[in-house]
Amino acid sequence: MNNEQTSIIFKVKIHYINGETQTFEVCGQGWDNVDIASRLFQIQKSDKLILQLTDNSLQVIPYSSILYLTVDPAPPKLPKDIITGATLL
């Protein structure tokens, strides 16, 4: 049995208030299935989203510029206060 922790890869799509979008692929290094959702919610407590890119630069995005974020796939374990199984019509 392989005991190594598998890195979880997910995409974060940022929808800006000006209509533009950006998509980032994120590797949750060392994040377990439960930790992903709680880290994402913790990040939202700041007034800006900061991403370290693979070229070792930082991208700082103020939340005031963001309309909403999409995380795909959704973390397998979500907090109890999240509505699950919703269908966008």
Protein backbone atom coordinates (compact mmCIF):
# COMPACT_ATOMS: atom_id res chain seq x y z
CA MET A 1 0.00 0.00 0.00
CA ASN A 2 1.27 3.45 -0.90
CA ASN A 3 1.44 5.67 2.19
CA GLU A 4 2.45 8.84 0.33
CA GLN A 5 -0.09 11.63 0.48
CA THR A 6 -1.46 12.38 -2.98
CA SER A 7 -1.38 16.03 -3.99
CA ILE A 8 -4.86 17.23 -4.79
CA ILE A 9 -5.06 19.39 -7.92
CA PHE A 10 -8.00 21.73 -8.45
CA LYS A 11 -8.81 24.82 -10.51
CA VAL A 12 -9.79 28.20 -9.15
CA LYS A 13 -11.62 30.39 -11.66
CA ILE A 14 -11.88 34.04 -10.69
CA HIS A 15 -14.80 36.00 -12.12
CA TYR A 16 -14.05 39.72 -11.94
CA ILE A 17 -16.62 42.47 -11.63
CA ASN A 18 -15.49 43.82 -15.04
CA GLY A 19 -16.53 40.55 -16.75
CA GLU A 20 -13.03 39.10 -17.19
CA THR A 21 -11.99 35.71 -15.79
CA GLN A 22 -8.73 34.02 -14.85
CA THR A 23 -8.25 30.33 -14.11
CA PHE A 24 -5.47 28.98 -11.92
CA GLU A 25 -4.49 25.37 -11.37
CA VAL A 26 -3.64 24.83 -7.72
CA CYS A 27 -1.85 21.90 -6.14
CA GLY A 28 -2.99 21.45 -2.54
CA GLN A 29 0.39 20.28 -1.32
CA GLY A 30 -0.08 18.55 1.98
CA TRP A 31 -3.74 19.60 2.20
CA ASP A 32 -5.96 16.71 3.18
CA ASN A 33 -9.54 16.41 1.93
CA VAL A 34 -11.00 18.15 4.97
CA ASP A 35 -8.38 20.89 5.08
CA ILE A 36 -8.99 22.18 1.54
CA ALA A 37 -12.44 23.64 2.23
CA SER A 38 -11.45 25.17 5.56
CA ARG A 39 -8.34 26.76 4.02
CA LEU A 40 -10.38 28.22 1.17
CA PHE A 41 -12.86 29.75 3.63
CA GLN A 42 -10.00 31.05 5.83
CA ILE A 43 -8.42 32.75 2.79
CA GLN A 44 -11.65 34.70 2.23
CA LYS A 45 -11.26 36.45 5.60
CA SER A 46 -8.53 38.62 4.08
CA ASP A 47 -9.27 41.65 1.91
CA LYS A 48 -7.17 40.22 -0.92
CA LEU A 49 -6.46 36.90 -2.58
CA ILE A 50 -2.71 36.20 -2.89
CA LEU A 51 -1.42 33.45 -5.16
CA GLN A 52 2.19 32.32 -5.47
CA LEU A 53 2.67 31.38 -9.13
CA THR A 54 4.98 28.66 -10.40
CA ASP A 55 7.47 31.31 -11.62
CA ASN A 56 7.81 32.27 -7.91
CA SER A 57 5.98 35.59 -8.39
CA LEU A 58 3.01 36.68 -6.31
CA GLN A 59 -0.30 37.80 -7.74
CA VAL A 60 -2.31 39.97 -5.34
CA ILE A 61 -6.00 40.39 -6.21
CA PRO A 62 -8.24 42.60 -4.06
CA TYR A 63 -11.55 40.90 -3.24
CA SER A 64 -13.26 44.18 -4.17
CA SER A 65 -12.40 43.30 -7.81
CA ILE A 66 -13.83 39.78 -7.57
CA LEU A 67 -17.47 38.99 -8.27
CA TYR A 68 -17.13 35.30 -7.33
CA LEU A 69 -14.78 32.29 -7.38
CA THR A 70 -15.38 28.82 -8.77
CA VAL A 71 -13.40 25.87 -7.34
CA ASP A 72 -13.41 22.73 -9.50
CA PRO A 73 -13.69 20.04 -8.40
CA ALA A 74 -15.32 20.93 -5.11
CA PRO A 75 -13.43 19.58 -2.10
CA PRO A 76 -14.67 16.10 -1.16
CA LYS A 77 -15.36 17.14 2.46
CA LEU A 78 -17.31 20.36 3.00
CA PRO A 79 -18.39 22.22 6.14
CA LYS A 80 -21.91 21.47 7.37
CA ASP A 81 -23.22 24.96 6.52
CA ILE A 82 -22.76 24.42 2.75
CA ILE A 83 -25.74 23.46 0.59
CA THR A 84 -24.72 20.43 -1.47
CA GLY A 85 -26.24 18.83 -4.56
CA ALA A 86 -27.46 22.13 -6.06
CA THR A 87 -28.10 22.39 -9.82
CA LEU A 88 -27.52 25.67 -11.65
CA LEU A 89 -30.53 26.41 -13.89
